[in-house]
Structure formats: structure tokens, C-alpha cells
Amino acid sequence: MKLDPTHTVEDALRAVAAEGATVELRLNDGHSLGGKIGGVGEHACLVETVTGKEFFDAWVRLESIVAIEARVRG
């Protein structure tokens, strides 16, 4: 997997989801949310198995995401 600076947030999330990688999403309110991307839509994504809350999923608006951290090497 390779993150590409020309991608949109939606494109980057789809690439991460295809790999099944765990991500950390930084949100515009300063909070972060970790887990696996379960799906990506036009306006939102689903974060499954939220870190620290393994029995919870989260719905996140794409416009709220300011950074995506994902392990891409090793």
C-alpha cells in the first residue's frame, strides 16, 4: 500500500481499507480515532473495532478528517 498526496481523503481511505490496515484518523476537532476502515462512502466512512472500544464501530464524516496515519512499511 502506498499513500499518494494526489489522492482525496476518500481515495486514501479506500486504499487503506483494501489492505485491511489499522489506521489512526486525526479529526478537525483535535481528537483521533483508530481502527480498521470497514467501508467508505461519498460523505462518510465506517471505522470498525475502534481502538480501546473493540465492541464499537464509528461513522465519521470525510470532511472531519484532517490526517490519516497508517502503517505502510514493514
C-alpha atoms as a PDB file:
ATOM      1  CA  MET A   1       0.000   0.000   0.000  1.00  0.00           C
ATOM      2  CA  LYS A   2       1.163   3.496  -0.760  1.00  0.00           C
ATOM      3  CA  LEU A   3      -0.458   6.731   0.307  1.00  0.00           C
ATOM      4  CA  ASP A   4      -0.459   9.256  -2.522  1.00  0.00           C
ATOM      5  CA  PRO A   5      -0.540  13.030  -1.934  1.00  0.00           C
ATOM      6  CA  THR A   6      -2.697  13.479  -5.040  1.00  0.00           C
ATOM      7  CA  HIS A   7      -5.473  11.303  -3.585  1.00  0.00           C
ATOM      8  CA  THR A   8      -8.560  12.628  -1.899  1.00  0.00           C
ATOM      9  CA  VAL A   9      -9.383  11.544   1.651  1.00  0.00           C
ATOM     10  CA  GLU A  10     -11.874   9.109   0.135  1.00  0.00           C
ATOM     11  CA  ASP A  11      -9.214   7.590  -2.166  1.00  0.00           C
ATOM     12  CA  ALA A  12      -6.708   7.229   0.672  1.00  0.00           C
ATOM     13  CA  LEU A  13      -9.272   5.540   2.920  1.00  0.00           C
ATOM     14  CA  ARG A  14     -10.224   3.121   0.147  1.00  0.00           C
ATOM     15  CA  ALA A  15      -6.548   2.196  -0.320  1.00  0.00           C
ATOM     16  CA  VAL A  16      -6.122   1.590   3.406  1.00  0.00           C
ATOM     17  CA  ALA A  17      -9.366  -0.415   3.561  1.00  0.00           C
ATOM     18  CA  ALA A  18      -8.241  -2.627   0.665  1.00  0.00           C
ATOM     19  CA  GLU A  19      -5.131  -3.574   2.655  1.00  0.00           C
ATOM     20  CA  GLY A  20      -7.024  -4.152   5.897  1.00  0.00           C
ATOM     21  CA  ALA A  21      -4.549  -1.921   7.704  1.00  0.00           C
ATOM     22  CA  THR A  22      -5.214  -0.326  11.059  1.00  0.00           C
ATOM     23  CA  VAL A  23      -5.439   3.458  10.842  1.00  0.00           C
ATOM     24  CA  GLU A  24      -5.468   6.464  13.097  1.00  0.00           C
ATOM     25  CA  LEU A  25      -7.721   9.259  11.859  1.00  0.00           C
ATOM     26  CA  ARG A  26      -6.988  12.776  13.088  1.00  0.00           C
ATOM     27  CA  LEU A  27     -10.137  14.846  13.199  1.00  0.00           C
ATOM     28  CA  ASN A  28     -10.560  18.602  12.825  1.00  0.00           C
ATOM     29  CA  ASP A  29     -11.657  18.912  16.459  1.00  0.00           C
ATOM     30  CA  GLY A  30      -8.256  17.618  17.650  1.00  0.00           C
ATOM     31  CA  HIS A  31      -9.439  14.127  18.570  1.00  0.00           C
ATOM     32  CA  SER A  32      -8.215  10.933  16.950  1.00  0.00           C
ATOM     33  CA  LEU A  33      -9.892   7.638  16.232  1.00  0.00           C
ATOM     34  CA  GLY A  34      -8.164   4.348  15.473  1.00  0.00           C
ATOM     35  CA  GLY A  35      -9.378   1.086  13.996  1.00  0.00           C
ATOM     36  CA  LYS A  36      -9.940  -0.594  10.645  1.00  0.00           C
ATOM     37  CA  ILE A  37     -11.835   1.008   7.792  1.00  0.00           C
ATOM     38  CA  GLY A  38     -14.950  -1.067   7.179  1.00  0.00           C
ATOM     39  CA  GLY A  39     -16.306   0.942   4.286  1.00  0.00           C
ATOM     40  CA  VAL A  40     -16.022   4.274   2.521  1.00  0.00           C
ATOM     41  CA  GLY A  41     -18.888   6.235   1.045  1.00  0.00           C
ATOM     42  CA  GLU A  42     -19.155   9.557  -0.721  1.00  0.00           C
ATOM     43  CA  HIS A  43     -19.554  11.508   2.541  1.00  0.00           C
ATOM     44  CA  ALA A  44     -18.517   9.188   5.378  1.00  0.00           C
ATOM     45  CA  CYS A  45     -16.507   6.144   6.371  1.00  0.00           C
ATOM     46  CA  LEU A  46     -17.077   3.353   8.869  1.00  0.00           C
ATOM     47  CA  VAL A  47     -14.330   2.644  11.400  1.00  0.00           C
ATOM     48  CA  GLU A  48     -14.698  -0.871  12.777  1.00  0.00           C
ATOM     49  CA  THR A  49     -13.251  -2.257  16.004  1.00  0.00           C
ATOM     50  CA  VAL A  50     -12.450   1.185  17.380  1.00  0.00           C
ATOM     51  CA  THR A  51      -9.167   1.121  19.299  1.00  0.00           C
ATOM     52  CA  GLY A  52      -9.856   0.934  23.017  1.00  0.00           C
ATOM     53  CA  LYS A  53     -13.530   0.112  22.330  1.00  0.00           C
ATOM     54  CA  GLU A  54     -13.306  -3.191  20.478  1.00  0.00           C
ATOM     55  CA  PHE A  55     -17.072  -3.775  20.501  1.00  0.00           C
ATOM     56  CA  PHE A  56     -17.846  -0.409  18.903  1.00  0.00           C
ATOM     57  CA  ASP A  57     -17.869   0.948  15.350  1.00  0.00           C
ATOM     58  CA  ALA A  58     -17.858   4.618  14.381  1.00  0.00           C
ATOM     59  CA  TRP A  59     -19.330   6.582  11.480  1.00  0.00           C
ATOM     60  CA  VAL A  60     -17.069   9.511  10.514  1.00  0.00           C
ATOM     61  CA  ARG A  61     -17.763  12.337   8.062  1.00  0.00           C
ATOM     62  CA  LEU A  62     -14.956  12.603   5.499  1.00  0.00           C
ATOM     63  CA  GLU A  63     -14.877  16.393   5.844  1.00  0.00           C
ATOM     64  CA  SER A  64     -13.964  15.946   9.533  1.00  0.00           C
ATOM     65  CA  ILE A  65     -10.743  14.055   8.732  1.00  0.00           C
ATOM     66  CA  VAL A  66      -7.582  16.171   8.561  1.00  0.00           C
ATOM     67  CA  ALA A  67      -4.964  13.372   8.545  1.00  0.00           C
ATOM     68  CA  ILE A  68      -4.755   9.616   8.058  1.00  0.00           C
ATOM     69  CA  GLU A  69      -1.978   7.634   9.733  1.00  0.00           C
ATOM     70  CA  ALA A  70      -1.405   4.085   8.519  1.00  0.00           C
ATOM     71  CA  ARG A  71       1.457   1.632   8.718  1.00  0.00           C
ATOM     72  CA  VAL A  72       2.603   1.212   5.122  1.00  0.00           C
ATOM     73  CA  ARG A  73       6.026  -0.409   5.549  1.00  0.00           C
ATOM     74  CA  GLY A  74       7.362  -3.446   7.341  1.00  0.00           C
END
